[in-house]
C-alpha atoms as a PDB file:
ATOM      1  CA  MET A   1     -10.540 -11.758-109.634  1.00  0.00           C
ATOM      2  CA  PRO A   2     -13.805 -10.241-109.293  1.00  0.00           C
ATOM      3  CA  THR A   3     -17.260 -10.936-110.832  1.00  0.00           C
ATOM      4  CA  ARG A   4     -20.409  -9.245-111.396  1.00  0.00           C
ATOM      5  CA  TRP A   5     -23.840 -10.193-112.552  1.00  0.00           C
ATOM      6  CA  LEU A   6     -25.534  -7.988-115.122  1.00  0.00           C
ATOM      7  CA  PRO A   7     -28.717  -6.817-113.387  1.00  0.00           C
ATOM      8  CA  SER A   8     -30.876  -6.572-116.581  1.00  0.00           C
ATOM      9  CA  TRP A   9     -30.813  -9.439-119.365  1.00  0.00           C
ATOM     10  CA  ARG A  10     -31.041  -6.457-121.861  1.00  0.00           C
ATOM     11  CA  ASP A  11     -27.547  -5.284-120.953  1.00  0.00           C
ATOM     12  CA  CYS A  12     -25.995  -8.457-120.759  1.00  0.00           C
ATOM     13  CA  GLY A  13     -27.567 -11.244-123.153  1.00  0.00           C
ATOM     14  CA  ARG A  14     -31.084 -12.390-124.184  1.00  0.00           C
ATOM     15  CA  CYS A  15     -34.103 -14.096-122.888  1.00  0.00           C
ATOM     16  CA  THR A  16     -34.671 -16.713-125.418  1.00  0.00           C
ATOM     17  CA  GLY A  17     -38.763 -16.694-125.153  1.00  0.00           C
ATOM     18  CA  ARG A  18     -40.151 -16.823-121.391  1.00  0.00           C
ATOM     19  CA  SER A  19     -38.590 -19.657-119.905  1.00  0.00           C
ATOM     20  CA  ARG A  20     -34.496 -19.550-120.273  1.00  0.00           C
ATOM     21  CA  ARG A  21     -32.030 -16.698-119.812  1.00  0.00           C
ATOM     22  CA  ASP A  22     -28.404 -16.284-121.021  1.00  0.00           C
ATOM     23  CA  GLU A  23     -26.432 -14.441-118.978  1.00  0.00           C
ATOM     24  CA  TRP A  24     -23.140 -12.653-119.954  1.00  0.00           C
ATOM     25  CA  ILE A  25     -20.058 -12.412-117.069  1.00  0.00           C
ATOM     26  CA  PHE A  26     -17.641  -9.823-116.979  1.00  0.00           C
ATOM     27  CA  ASP A  27     -14.615  -8.494-114.380  1.00  0.00           C
ATOM     28  CA  GLU A  28     -16.256  -5.814-112.152  1.00  0.00           C
ATOM     29  CA  GLN A  29     -12.917  -3.678-113.075  1.00  0.00           C
ATOM     30  CA  THR A  30     -11.696  -3.940-116.311  1.00  0.00           C
ATOM     31  CA  TYR A  31     -15.202  -5.624-118.031  1.00  0.00           C
ATOM     32  CA  GLU A  32     -12.867  -8.545-119.455  1.00  0.00           C
ATOM     33  CA  TYR A  33     -15.236 -11.054-120.322  1.00  0.00           C
ATOM     34  CA  LEU A  34     -15.145 -13.876-118.853  1.00  0.00           C
ATOM     35  CA  GLY A  35     -17.833 -16.015-119.320  1.00  0.00           C
ATOM     36  CA  GLU A  36     -21.734 -16.983-119.809  1.00  0.00           C
ATOM     37  CA  ARG A  37     -24.228 -18.904-118.020  1.00  0.00           C
ATOM     38  CA  SER A  38     -27.720 -20.037-119.302  1.00  0.00           C
ATOM     39  CA  TYR A  39     -30.610 -21.135-116.975  1.00  0.00           C
ATOM     40  CA  LEU A  40     -34.242 -21.551-116.924  1.00  0.00           C
ATOM     41  CA  VAL A  41     -36.356 -18.758-115.445  1.00  0.00           C
ATOM     42  CA  ALA A  42     -39.856 -20.856-115.442  1.00  0.00           C
ATOM     43  CA  ASP A  43     -40.585 -24.102-114.798  1.00  0.00           C
ATOM     44  CA  THR A  44     -40.468 -26.379-118.373  1.00  0.00           C
ATOM     45  CA  SER A  45     -40.474 -29.921-119.084  1.00  0.00           C
ATOM     46  CA  GLY A  46     -36.367 -29.360-119.031  1.00  0.00           C
ATOM     47  CA  GLY A  47     -36.628 -28.761-115.143  1.00  0.00           C
ATOM     48  CA  PRO A  48     -37.712 -26.418-112.618  1.00  0.00           C
ATOM     49  CA  ALA A  49     -37.010 -22.528-112.469  1.00  0.00           C
ATOM     50  CA  GLY A  50     -33.522 -21.964-111.631  1.00  0.00           C
ATOM     51  CA  THR A  51     -32.080 -24.998-113.264  1.00  0.00           C
ATOM     52  CA  VAL A  52     -28.759 -24.231-115.004  1.00  0.00           C
ATOM     53  CA  LEU A  53     -28.880 -25.178-118.311  1.00  0.00           C
ATOM     54  CA  ALA A  54     -24.971 -24.365-119.372  1.00  0.00           C
ATOM     55  CA  THR A  55     -21.846 -22.283-118.297  1.00  0.00           C
ATOM     56  CA  THR A  56     -19.026 -21.524-120.049  1.00  0.00           C
ATOM     57  CA  ALA A  57     -15.407 -20.042-119.004  1.00  0.00           C
ATOM     58  CA  VAL A  58     -12.643 -18.288-120.355  1.00  0.00           C
ATOM     59  CA  LEU A  59      -9.652 -20.005-119.143  1.00  0.00           C
ATOM     60  CA  GLN A  60      -6.846 -18.373-121.477  1.00  0.00           C
ATOM     61  CA  ARG A  61      -6.172 -15.801-123.648  1.00  0.00           C
ATOM     62  CA  ALA A  62      -3.838 -15.286-126.520  1.00  0.00           C
ATOM     63  CA  LEU A  63      -2.675 -13.528-129.109  1.00  0.00           C
ATOM     64  CA  VAL A  64      -1.661 -14.783-132.465  1.00  0.00           C
ATOM     65  CA  SER A  65       0.049 -12.740-135.982  1.00  0.00           C
ATOM     66  CA  ASN A  66      -2.455 -14.575-138.334  1.00  0.00           C
ATOM     67  CA  LEU A  67      -5.739 -16.090-138.794  1.00  0.00           C
ATOM     68  CA  GLY A  68      -5.834 -20.091-137.981  1.00  0.00           C
ATOM     69  CA  GLN A  69      -2.542 -19.538-135.635  1.00  0.00           C
ATOM     70  CA  ARG A  70      -2.383 -21.789-132.510  1.00  0.00           C
ATOM     71  CA  PRO A  71      -0.936 -20.099-129.707  1.00  0.00           C
ATOM     72  CA  GLU A  72       2.173 -21.922-128.315  1.00  0.00           C
ATOM     73  CA  GLY A  73       2.490 -23.742-124.898  1.00  0.00           C
END
C-alpha cells in the first residue's frame, strides 16, 4: 500500500513546542489514514534530533452496528 508523508506540519499534524513533530500517514491514492509518528526535530534531554518517540499503525478496520460492539473474528 503506497504511503506518503505530507510535507507540512500544518497539513498533517502539529509541532508541540519547538522540539517535537507529530505526523499523520495517509494512503497516497485513497487518503485513508494509516497511522502516525512523533519524533524530535531538535536536540533535547530526551534525545537528539531525529529520535522517533512514538509510532502507530492501523492494522485492522471493521464496521459494527452498535456503539461499543466489537467486530467478530
